[in-house]
Amino acid sequence: MLNSAYKKVSREDLQFFQLTLGEGNVLIDGDSLNSHGRDETEDILCPPEVVLIPADSGQVSAILAYCNENFIPVTIRGAGTGLSGGAIPVFGGACISTKKLNRILQIDEDNFQVTTEPGVVTEVLQNAVREKGLFYPPDPASKGSCFIGGNIAENSGGPKAVKYGVVSDYVLNLELVLPNGKIINTGANVLKNATGYNLTQLIVGSEGTLGFVTKITLKLIPHPKFDKLLLVPFKDAVKAAEAVAEIAKSGITPSGLEFMDRDAVDLALRYSEEPPFSLEADEEAFLLIELDGNKNAELDETLESVYLLLQKYPVGEVLFAENSVEKERLWKIRRGIGEAVKRKSVYKEEDTVVPRFHLPELLRFTKSLGKKYGFSSACYGHAGDGNLHINILKNDLSDDKWKHELPIAIRELFSEVKRLGGTISGEHGIGLVQKEFMDIVFSPIELQLMRNIKKVFDPNNIMNPGKIFPD
C-alpha cells in the first residue's frame, strides 16, 4: 500500500542502516521481505522494503531517529504470531525485528521481578523463572513461539487470566524508545506507583504505535505447587456456557476455564497426532477446567465441589488428567485449535469478550448469525473471562459472499457484543483487520482522544501506521 506522506527506502538509507547495524542485519532479499510481510492473520501479505535487526536499544534509537527524520514508516516485529495484522507493514518501509533483543537480563528473586528484552520467547521466560520457584502466569496459546514484546504490544492473556490476570497486571516498568530516538523509562520497579500519569499501562496494548519497547520489568509471584485438570463434555453447548458463570458464582476460582464447541474440538482432534479422547455423538461442547494451589488436599475438596456443581447439567463422562503427560495432551488439544482451523479452511477469527454471564447469549447469537449468512464457526476461548474466539470458516462460501456479506455479519456480531456490555477484542488487539469496526465501541470523541495521544508520541506517524484507527 502506497502513501505519499512516506519516503521510499533509498540506497542512501540502506547505507545508513548497514553502517549502523552491519550488513548482515539489513535484509532486502525477497524471502526475508515476504516472511516479514505477514503474520498469522488470515492470508494478508504486505512486504516491507527492508528488514532491520538491531541488537541493543542504542541501535534501535539510531534507527528510529533516522526513520522519523526521513519519514520512513516503521513496523516492529516479534515472532509474527499475531492474529490482528498488527505486525504487517501495510505502508512498506522498515520492519524492525526484535529477534536479537532476546536476553533475560535479571531475575530478582528477592523482589519477585524479572527484567527482560522483548525478543525472549514467553515460555522460555516462564521456564527460567520457574527454576527459581517463581511464576509469570500470562500464557497465550502460542507461548512456545511468541515473544514477550508482542505480548506487551497486545496485552495478551491466555487460559490463566481467569485467576491471575493479563500481561498488564504484571508490567512494572518499560524502557521505551520514542519515535524521535529518545529513550525513556515509563515507570519504576516498584509494586505501587501513584507518580504522575501511568505511561506504562498506556504503552501496554498500544500495538507498537507509540514507541519501541526495548526492556521490560515484570512482577512475579510464587509458583503454585499443585494443579488438577479435567475435561467435561456437555450435551448442550449453551448449558456449557451457563456452567461457566455458575462456577464463578459458587466462589470457585479455576486457574483455567476454557470453552470449546464441538466443531473446534473435532478439528483439533482431527489434526492431532495423539488424540487423548474421541468425540461421542451427543457431545456439543467441552469445558477444560484447571485448579491450582499449594495444598493438595484443598484442591481435592475444590475438585469435588466442581463435580457436584456440574451434576445439574447434561454432561457426559468427565475425563480427569492423572499425570503431567495426560495434562499436556489435553492442553495440546485446546492450544491446537487455532492451527487446526487454519489447516481446514480460510478463516477470520473474532476475539470477542463479554461479561461471562452473557456468554450463552453470545454463543446463541453467533450460531444463529451463521445460519443467516451461511457460514460455519468454531468457537472456543477463555470462558472464565467471557473471552470467546469465534473462528468463521470460509469452507465453500463464495468469494463474493466472503468479501461483501461477511463484513456485514461481523458488524452485526460486534454490535451484539457491544449490546451485551462487551467489546471487540479481548487479547488479540485491533491491528489492521478490526479497525473498521472501532466506531461500534467508541464514539468520535473517544477515537479523537486516542488519535491525539498517538500524535503526541508520534507526530510524523511513522510507528506502525495504518493500525487501530478507522481510515
Protein backbone atom coordinates (compact mmCIF):
# COMPACT_ATOMS: atom_id res chain seq x y z
CA MET A 1 0.00 0.00 0.00
CA LEU A 2 1.47 3.34 -1.04
CA ASN A 3 1.17 6.60 0.86
CA SER A 4 2.62 9.82 -0.47
CA ALA A 5 3.38 11.03 3.06
CA TYR A 6 6.15 8.45 3.37
CA LYS A 7 9.52 8.22 1.66
CA LYS A 8 10.56 5.04 -0.08
CA VAL A 9 13.71 3.44 1.25
CA SER A 10 16.64 4.55 -0.90
CA ARG A 11 20.18 3.32 -1.46
CA GLU A 12 21.42 6.05 0.89
CA ASP A 13 19.01 4.85 3.57
CA LEU A 14 20.27 1.29 3.19
CA GLN A 15 23.86 2.51 3.55
CA PHE A 16 22.97 4.25 6.83
CA PHE A 17 21.27 1.13 8.15
CA GLN A 18 24.25 -1.03 7.16
CA LEU A 19 26.70 1.31 8.87
CA THR A 20 24.56 1.32 12.00
CA LEU A 21 23.73 -2.40 12.21
CA GLY A 22 26.23 -4.19 9.98
CA GLU A 23 25.36 -5.54 6.54
CA GLY A 24 24.19 -8.93 7.82
CA ASN A 25 21.45 -7.24 9.85
CA VAL A 26 19.94 -5.34 6.92
CA LEU A 27 17.88 -7.68 4.72
CA ILE A 28 16.39 -6.85 1.34
CA ASP A 29 16.11 -10.29 -0.31
CA GLY A 30 12.68 -11.41 -1.43
CA ASP A 31 12.29 -14.29 1.02
CA SER A 32 13.08 -12.09 4.02
CA LEU A 33 10.75 -9.34 2.87
CA ASN A 34 7.88 -11.74 2.23
CA SER A 35 8.32 -13.61 5.50
CA HIS A 36 8.22 -10.30 7.38
CA GLY A 37 5.20 -9.13 5.37
CA ARG A 38 2.74 -11.49 7.03
CA ASP A 39 1.81 -12.83 10.44
CA GLU A 40 -0.78 -15.44 11.45
CA THR A 41 -3.66 -13.19 10.32
CA GLU A 42 -5.68 -14.75 7.52
CA ASP A 43 -3.81 -14.60 4.19
CA ILE A 44 -2.61 -10.97 4.12
CA LEU A 45 0.81 -10.12 2.63
CA CYS A 46 2.37 -6.62 2.66
CA PRO A 47 6.18 -6.90 2.43
CA PRO A 48 8.40 -4.17 3.89
CA GLU A 49 11.15 -2.57 1.83
CA VAL A 50 13.86 -3.57 4.30
CA VAL A 51 14.18 -5.73 7.42
CA LEU A 52 16.40 -4.36 10.18
CA ILE A 53 17.74 -6.45 13.08
CA PRO A 54 19.14 -4.30 15.92
CA ALA A 55 20.98 -5.81 18.87
CA ASP A 56 20.50 -3.15 21.57
CA SER A 57 18.49 -0.07 22.48
CA GLY A 58 21.20 2.24 21.13
CA GLN A 59 20.81 0.79 17.66
CA VAL A 60 17.02 0.99 17.94
CA SER A 61 17.36 4.65 18.93
CA ALA A 62 19.54 5.44 15.93
CA ILE A 63 17.20 3.67 13.50
CA LEU A 64 14.05 5.33 14.80
CA ALA A 65 15.60 8.81 14.86
CA TYR A 66 16.70 8.36 11.24
CA CYS A 67 13.34 6.98 10.08
CA ASN A 68 11.49 9.75 11.89
CA GLU A 69 13.62 12.45 10.28
CA ASN A 70 13.23 10.88 6.84
CA PHE A 71 9.52 9.92 7.07
CA ILE A 72 10.15 6.20 6.67
CA PRO A 73 7.32 4.11 8.19
CA VAL A 74 8.37 1.57 10.82
CA THR A 75 6.71 -1.69 11.83
CA ILE A 76 8.01 -3.61 14.85
CA ARG A 77 8.04 -7.38 14.53
CA GLY A 78 8.36 -10.05 17.16
CA ALA A 79 7.68 -13.70 16.40
CA GLY A 80 4.89 -12.95 13.92
CA THR A 81 2.24 -14.94 15.80
CA GLY A 82 -0.32 -12.09 15.92
CA LEU A 83 -3.89 -12.55 14.77
CA SER A 84 -4.99 -8.98 14.03
CA GLY A 85 -2.42 -7.93 11.42
CA GLY A 86 -0.55 -5.74 13.88
CA ALA A 87 2.90 -6.68 12.56
CA ILE A 88 2.06 -6.34 8.87
CA PRO A 89 3.91 -3.38 7.23
CA VAL A 90 0.99 -2.03 5.24
CA PHE A 91 2.97 1.01 4.04
CA GLY A 92 6.21 -0.86 3.32
CA GLY A 93 9.13 0.99 4.86
CA ALA A 94 11.30 -0.64 7.53
CA CYS A 95 10.34 -3.72 9.51
CA ILE A 96 12.41 -3.85 12.71
CA SER A 97 12.82 -7.33 14.16
CA THR A 98 13.31 -7.92 17.89
CA LYS A 99 14.83 -11.37 17.47
CA LYS A 100 18.33 -10.29 18.64
CA LEU A 101 16.90 -8.46 21.65
CA ASN A 102 16.50 -11.84 23.30
CA ARG A 103 18.18 -11.76 26.70
CA ILE A 104 16.69 -12.27 30.14
CA LEU A 105 18.68 -9.56 31.89
CA GLN A 106 17.93 -10.26 35.55
CA ILE A 107 15.77 -12.48 37.73
CA ASP A 108 15.42 -10.68 41.05
CA GLU A 109 14.45 -13.45 43.49
CA ASP A 110 14.35 -11.07 46.47
CA ASN A 111 11.82 -8.71 44.92
CA PHE A 112 9.99 -11.24 42.71
CA GLN A 113 10.80 -9.44 39.45
CA VAL A 114 12.34 -10.23 36.09
CA THR A 115 13.83 -7.80 33.59
CA THR A 116 13.89 -8.99 30.01
CA GLU A 117 14.35 -7.83 26.44
CA PRO A 118 11.34 -8.10 24.11
CA GLY A 119 12.63 -10.91 21.88
CA VAL A 120 12.52 -13.61 24.57
CA VAL A 121 10.03 -16.42 23.89
CA THR A 122 7.27 -16.31 26.51
CA GLU A 123 7.60 -19.97 27.52
CA VAL A 124 11.39 -19.60 27.80
CA LEU A 125 10.84 -16.74 30.24
CA GLN A 126 8.27 -18.76 32.21
CA ASN A 127 10.61 -21.74 32.47
CA ALA A 128 13.54 -19.58 33.54
CA VAL A 129 11.65 -18.01 36.44
CA ARG A 130 10.06 -21.33 37.39
CA GLU A 131 13.52 -22.73 38.05
CA LYS A 132 13.69 -20.11 40.82
CA GLY A 133 10.29 -21.13 42.19
CA LEU A 134 8.62 -18.09 40.60
CA PHE A 135 5.66 -17.74 38.28
CA TYR A 136 4.80 -15.48 35.35
CA PRO A 137 1.18 -16.52 34.64
CA PRO A 138 0.11 -14.98 31.26
CA ASP A 139 0.24 -17.87 28.80
CA PRO A 140 -1.12 -17.23 25.31
CA ALA A 141 -1.82 -20.27 23.13
CA SER A 142 1.35 -19.51 21.16
CA LYS A 143 3.51 -19.24 24.30
CA GLY A 144 6.03 -21.69 22.85
CA SER A 145 6.81 -19.34 19.96
CA CYS A 146 5.51 -15.82 20.69
CA PHE A 147 7.81 -13.13 22.11
CA ILE A 148 7.22 -11.31 25.36
CA GLY A 149 7.44 -7.99 23.47
CA GLY A 150 4.49 -8.98 21.31
CA ASN A 151 2.57 -9.91 24.46
CA ILE A 152 3.24 -6.40 25.76
CA ALA A 153 2.09 -4.86 22.48
CA GLU A 154 -1.23 -6.74 22.53
CA ASN A 155 -1.77 -7.01 26.31
CA SER A 156 -2.06 -10.76 25.89
CA GLY A 157 -3.93 -13.04 28.24
CA GLY A 158 -4.36 -16.78 27.94
CA PRO A 159 -6.11 -19.50 29.93
CA LYS A 160 -4.73 -18.45 33.31
CA ALA A 161 -6.12 -14.93 33.04
CA VAL A 162 -9.31 -16.02 34.81
CA LYS A 163 -7.38 -16.34 38.08
CA TYR A 164 -4.16 -14.42 37.55
CA GLY A 165 -4.97 -11.62 35.11
CA VAL A 166 -3.37 -10.48 31.86
CA VAL A 167 0.00 -9.04 30.88
CA SER A 168 -0.84 -5.51 32.07
CA ASP A 169 -1.25 -6.85 35.62
CA TYR A 170 2.45 -7.81 35.68
CA VAL A 171 4.25 -4.96 33.90
CA LEU A 172 6.03 -2.60 36.32
CA ASN A 173 8.31 -0.63 34.03
CA LEU A 174 9.35 -0.35 30.40
CA GLU A 175 12.36 1.07 28.62
CA LEU A 176 10.82 2.78 25.61
CA VAL A 177 12.49 4.28 22.55
CA LEU A 178 10.32 7.10 21.26
CA PRO A 179 9.90 7.67 17.51
CA ASN A 180 12.42 10.55 17.69
CA GLY A 181 15.05 8.20 19.15
CA LYS A 182 14.87 9.45 22.74
CA ILE A 183 14.95 6.70 25.39
CA ILE A 184 12.71 6.90 28.46
CA ASN A 185 11.52 4.72 31.33
CA THR A 186 7.75 4.66 31.70
CA GLY A 187 7.56 3.73 35.38
CA ALA A 188 9.57 2.31 38.26
CA ASN A 189 10.43 -1.17 39.52
CA VAL A 190 8.03 -0.95 42.44
CA LEU A 191 4.68 -2.56 43.22
CA LYS A 192 2.88 0.74 43.91
CA ASN A 193 3.26 3.90 41.87
CA ALA A 194 0.98 6.94 42.03
CA THR A 195 3.51 9.30 40.46
CA GLY A 196 2.01 11.15 37.52
CA TYR A 197 0.28 9.61 34.52
CA ASN A 198 0.65 5.85 34.13
CA LEU A 199 2.68 5.74 30.92
CA THR A 200 3.49 2.06 31.45
CA GLN A 201 -0.13 0.99 31.15
CA LEU A 202 -0.61 3.32 28.18
CA ILE A 203 2.15 1.53 26.28
CA VAL A 204 0.91 -1.97 27.16
CA GLY A 205 -1.62 -2.85 24.46
CA SER A 206 -0.68 0.07 22.20
CA GLU A 207 0.34 -2.34 19.40
CA GLY A 208 3.68 -0.71 18.59
CA THR A 209 2.07 2.58 17.57
CA LEU A 210 3.67 4.81 20.23
CA GLY A 211 7.26 3.60 20.56
CA PHE A 212 9.64 0.63 20.66
CA VAL A 213 9.88 -1.31 23.94
CA THR A 214 13.46 -2.47 24.49
CA LYS A 215 13.38 -3.59 28.16
CA ILE A 216 10.54 -4.92 30.30
CA THR A 217 10.36 -5.36 34.08
CA LEU A 218 7.68 -7.82 35.18
CA LYS A 219 6.23 -8.68 38.55
CA LEU A 220 6.36 -12.36 39.51
CA ILE A 221 4.55 -14.47 42.11
CA PRO A 222 5.40 -17.78 43.83
CA HIS A 223 4.74 -20.78 41.61
CA PRO A 224 1.81 -22.95 42.77
CA LYS A 225 2.88 -26.45 43.83
CA PHE A 226 -0.07 -28.49 42.57
CA ASP A 227 -2.66 -28.44 39.80
CA LYS A 228 -5.62 -30.55 38.71
CA LEU A 229 -7.13 -30.73 35.22
CA LEU A 230 -10.40 -32.16 33.99
CA LEU A 231 -12.26 -32.17 30.68
CA VAL A 232 -16.04 -32.02 30.92
CA PRO A 233 -18.20 -32.89 27.87
CA PHE A 234 -21.60 -31.20 27.63
CA LYS A 235 -24.57 -32.38 25.60
CA ASP A 236 -25.73 -28.79 25.19
CA ALA A 237 -23.24 -26.06 24.21
CA VAL A 238 -25.31 -23.24 25.72
CA LYS A 239 -25.50 -25.14 29.03
CA ALA A 240 -21.71 -25.39 28.99
CA ALA A 241 -21.54 -21.61 28.68
CA GLU A 242 -24.06 -21.26 31.51
CA ALA A 243 -21.94 -23.51 33.73
CA VAL A 244 -19.05 -21.05 33.44
CA ALA A 245 -20.98 -18.33 35.26
CA GLU A 246 -22.26 -20.87 37.79
CA ILE A 247 -18.73 -21.94 38.68
CA ALA A 248 -17.74 -18.31 39.24
CA LYS A 249 -20.84 -17.61 41.36
CA SER A 250 -20.03 -20.63 43.56
CA GLY A 251 -16.82 -18.93 44.74
CA ILE A 252 -14.52 -21.34 42.90
CA THR A 253 -11.71 -19.62 41.01
CA PRO A 254 -10.12 -22.00 38.49
CA SER A 255 -6.67 -21.24 37.14
CA GLY A 256 -8.08 -22.11 33.73
CA LEU A 257 -11.66 -22.33 32.48
CA GLU A 258 -11.75 -22.93 28.72
CA PHE A 259 -14.77 -23.39 26.47
CA MET A 260 -14.59 -25.40 23.22
CA ASP A 261 -17.55 -26.15 20.98
CA ARG A 262 -17.82 -29.45 19.11
CA ASP A 263 -16.61 -28.03 15.79
CA ALA A 264 -13.47 -26.65 17.44
CA VAL A 265 -12.66 -29.90 19.26
CA ASP A 266 -13.42 -32.01 16.19
CA LEU A 267 -10.88 -30.03 14.16
CA ALA A 268 -8.23 -30.20 16.89
CA LEU A 269 -8.66 -33.96 17.27
CA ARG A 270 -8.59 -34.46 13.51
CA TYR A 271 -5.16 -32.86 13.21
CA SER A 272 -3.76 -34.26 16.47
CA GLU A 273 -1.05 -36.93 16.29
CA GLU A 274 -2.20 -38.48 19.58
CA PRO A 275 -5.89 -37.73 20.23
CA PRO A 276 -6.38 -38.15 24.00
CA PHE A 277 -10.09 -38.91 23.63
CA SER A 278 -12.75 -39.36 20.97
CA LEU A 279 -16.00 -37.49 20.41
CA GLU A 280 -19.33 -39.03 21.31
CA ALA A 281 -22.29 -38.36 19.03
CA ASP A 282 -24.23 -36.28 21.56
CA GLU A 283 -21.38 -34.08 22.82
CA GLU A 284 -21.79 -30.44 21.76
CA ALA A 285 -19.16 -28.64 23.81
CA PHE A 286 -16.43 -29.05 26.42
CA LEU A 287 -15.09 -27.19 29.41
CA LEU A 288 -11.42 -27.65 30.26
CA ILE A 289 -11.12 -26.81 33.96
CA GLU A 290 -7.82 -26.37 35.77
CA LEU A 291 -7.37 -25.79 39.50
CA ASP A 292 -4.08 -24.92 41.17
CA GLY A 293 -2.74 -24.14 44.63
CA ASN A 294 -0.21 -25.04 47.29
CA LYS A 295 -2.27 -27.57 49.30
CA ASN A 296 -3.22 -30.75 47.51
CA ALA A 297 -5.96 -31.68 49.98
CA GLU A 298 -7.70 -28.34 49.48
CA LEU A 299 -7.54 -28.81 45.71
CA ASP A 300 -9.19 -32.22 46.06
CA GLU A 301 -12.02 -30.61 48.05
CA THR A 302 -12.47 -27.92 45.40
CA LEU A 303 -12.45 -30.56 42.69
CA GLU A 304 -15.23 -32.41 44.49
CA SER A 305 -17.23 -29.16 44.64
CA VAL A 306 -16.83 -28.75 40.88
CA TYR A 307 -18.10 -32.29 40.32
CA LEU A 308 -21.18 -31.63 42.49
CA LEU A 309 -21.91 -28.36 40.71
CA LEU A 310 -21.72 -30.00 37.28
CA GLN A 311 -24.27 -32.67 38.20
CA LYS A 312 -27.12 -30.24 37.47
CA TYR A 313 -26.01 -30.02 33.82
CA PRO A 314 -26.29 -32.56 30.97
CA VAL A 315 -22.70 -33.76 30.96
CA GLY A 316 -21.03 -36.89 29.72
CA GLU A 317 -18.13 -38.82 31.22
CA VAL A 318 -15.65 -36.44 32.84
CA LEU A 319 -12.02 -37.05 31.88
CA PHE A 320 -9.53 -36.42 34.70
CA ALA A 321 -5.86 -36.00 33.79
CA GLU A 322 -3.94 -38.32 36.10
CA ASN A 323 -0.39 -37.08 35.40
CA SER A 324 1.63 -34.40 33.64
CA VAL A 325 1.65 -36.28 30.33
CA GLU A 326 -2.15 -36.51 30.27
CA LYS A 327 -2.45 -32.85 31.26
CA GLU A 328 -0.17 -31.80 28.44
CA ARG A 329 -2.15 -33.87 25.92
CA LEU A 330 -5.40 -32.19 26.93
CA TRP A 331 -3.89 -28.71 26.84
CA LYS A 332 -2.38 -29.52 23.45
CA ILE A 333 -5.88 -30.06 22.06
CA ARG A 334 -7.01 -26.68 23.36
CA ARG A 335 -3.89 -24.86 22.16
CA GLY A 336 -4.02 -26.62 18.81
CA ILE A 337 -7.46 -25.42 17.77
CA GLY A 338 -6.23 -22.26 16.06
CA GLU A 339 -3.72 -24.15 13.92
CA ALA A 340 -6.31 -26.83 13.10
CA VAL A 341 -8.79 -24.20 11.92
CA LYS A 342 -6.13 -22.72 9.67
CA ARG A 343 -5.41 -26.12 8.11
CA LYS A 344 -9.11 -26.72 7.48
CA SER A 345 -10.13 -23.50 5.76
CA VAL A 346 -9.54 -19.84 5.08
CA TYR A 347 -10.99 -18.19 8.17
CA LYS A 348 -11.50 -15.00 10.16
CA GLU A 349 -11.02 -15.03 13.92
CA GLU A 350 -13.05 -12.61 16.00
CA ASP A 351 -11.71 -12.08 19.53
CA THR A 352 -14.92 -11.10 21.30
CA VAL A 353 -15.33 -10.59 25.04
CA VAL A 354 -18.49 -10.08 27.09
CA PRO A 355 -19.36 -10.28 30.79
CA ARG A 356 -19.20 -14.03 31.34
CA PHE A 357 -22.86 -14.25 32.42
CA HIS A 358 -23.74 -13.26 28.83
CA LEU A 359 -21.65 -15.98 27.17
CA PRO A 360 -24.69 -18.18 26.47
CA GLU A 361 -26.40 -15.29 24.66
CA LEU A 362 -23.30 -14.58 22.61
CA LEU A 363 -22.96 -18.23 21.64
CA ARG A 364 -26.62 -18.47 20.59
CA PHE A 365 -26.36 -15.27 18.55
CA THR A 366 -23.17 -16.43 16.81
CA LYS A 367 -24.68 -19.72 15.69
CA SER A 368 -27.90 -18.04 14.51
CA LEU A 369 -25.84 -15.47 12.61
CA GLY A 370 -24.04 -18.32 10.86
CA LYS A 371 -27.36 -19.75 9.71
CA LYS A 372 -28.47 -16.34 8.49
CA TYR A 373 -25.33 -15.70 6.42
CA GLY A 374 -24.44 -19.28 5.53
CA PHE A 375 -21.13 -19.67 7.39
CA SER A 376 -19.96 -22.21 9.96
CA SER A 377 -17.95 -21.30 13.01
CA ALA A 378 -15.65 -22.96 15.52
CA CYS A 379 -15.97 -21.24 18.90
CA TYR A 380 -13.59 -21.58 21.79
CA GLY A 381 -11.79 -19.41 24.29
CA HIS A 382 -11.17 -18.26 27.80
CA ALA A 383 -14.69 -18.66 29.08
CA GLY A 384 -13.77 -17.70 32.62
CA ASP A 385 -13.10 -14.18 31.31
CA GLY A 386 -16.03 -14.12 28.89
CA ASN A 387 -13.48 -14.14 26.05
CA LEU A 388 -14.84 -16.15 23.09
CA HIS A 389 -12.75 -16.68 19.95
CA ILE A 390 -15.16 -17.03 17.04
CA ASN A 391 -13.46 -18.62 14.02
CA ILE A 392 -15.58 -18.07 10.93
CA LEU A 393 -14.73 -20.70 8.30
CA LYS A 394 -14.96 -19.91 4.60
CA ASN A 395 -15.32 -23.55 3.53
CA ASP A 396 -17.46 -23.43 0.36
CA LEU A 397 -18.74 -19.88 0.85
CA SER A 398 -18.37 -17.96 -2.40
CA ASP A 399 -15.68 -15.31 -2.71
CA ASP A 400 -18.36 -12.70 -3.29
CA LYS A 401 -20.19 -13.55 -0.05
CA TRP A 402 -16.91 -13.78 1.84
CA LYS A 403 -15.82 -10.36 0.66
CA HIS A 404 -19.10 -8.43 0.70
CA GLU A 405 -21.59 -10.14 3.03
CA LEU A 406 -19.30 -11.37 5.79
CA PRO A 407 -18.24 -7.86 6.91
CA ILE A 408 -21.94 -7.08 7.37
CA ALA A 409 -22.31 -10.21 9.51
CA ILE A 410 -19.25 -9.31 11.58
CA ARG A 411 -20.65 -5.83 12.16
CA GLU A 412 -23.88 -7.43 13.40
CA LEU A 413 -21.85 -9.70 15.67
CA PHE A 414 -19.84 -6.84 17.15
CA SER A 415 -22.98 -4.75 17.62
CA GLU A 416 -24.46 -7.59 19.66
CA VAL A 417 -21.23 -7.88 21.66
CA LYS A 418 -21.49 -4.17 22.43
CA ARG A 419 -25.16 -4.56 23.43
CA LEU A 420 -24.18 -7.32 25.84
CA GLY A 421 -21.69 -4.98 27.52
CA GLY A 422 -18.60 -6.38 25.82
CA THR A 423 -16.02 -5.25 23.30
CA ILE A 424 -14.45 -6.43 20.05
CA SER A 425 -11.03 -7.62 21.24
CA GLY A 426 -10.06 -9.27 24.48
CA GLU A 427 -6.41 -10.07 23.79
CA HIS A 428 -5.56 -10.10 20.07
CA GLY A 429 -5.67 -6.35 19.54
CA ILE A 430 -7.25 -4.26 16.80
CA GLY A 431 -4.35 -4.01 14.37
CA LEU A 432 -5.30 -3.97 10.71
CA VAL A 433 -8.32 -6.24 10.44
CA GLN A 434 -10.59 -4.87 13.18
CA LYS A 435 -10.01 -1.13 12.83
CA GLU A 436 -13.05 -0.59 10.57
CA PHE A 437 -15.28 -1.71 13.46
CA MET A 438 -13.89 0.64 16.10
CA ASP A 439 -16.85 3.01 15.63
CA ILE A 440 -19.10 0.34 17.16
CA VAL A 441 -17.43 0.54 20.56
CA PHE A 442 -16.05 4.10 20.60
CA SER A 443 -17.66 7.47 19.97
CA PRO A 444 -15.98 10.01 17.64
CA ILE A 445 -14.66 11.99 20.62
CA GLU A 446 -13.16 8.86 22.20
CA LEU A 447 -11.42 7.95 18.96
CA GLN A 448 -10.15 11.51 18.58
CA LEU A 449 -8.65 11.44 22.09
CA MET A 450 -6.75 8.30 21.10
CA ARG A 451 -5.58 9.88 17.86
CA ASN A 452 -4.37 12.90 19.83
CA ILE A 453 -2.34 10.67 22.15
CA LYS A 454 -0.80 9.00 19.10
CA LYS A 455 0.13 12.42 17.69
CA VAL A 456 1.87 13.49 20.93
CA PHE A 457 4.10 10.43 20.88
CA ASP A 458 4.49 10.11 17.12
CA PRO A 459 3.80 13.42 15.30
CA ASN A 460 5.18 12.10 12.00
CA ASN A 461 3.05 8.93 12.25
CA ILE A 462 5.92 6.59 11.45
CA MET A 463 5.20 3.98 14.16
CA ASN A 464 3.08 1.13 12.80
CA PRO A 465 0.86 3.40 10.69
CA GLY A 466 -2.43 2.11 9.35
CA LYS A 467 -3.37 0.27 12.54
CA ILE A 468 -6.07 0.65 15.22
CA PHE A 469 -7.82 3.72 13.82
CA PRO A 470 -10.51 3.58 11.09
CA ASP A 471 -9.44 5.09 7.77
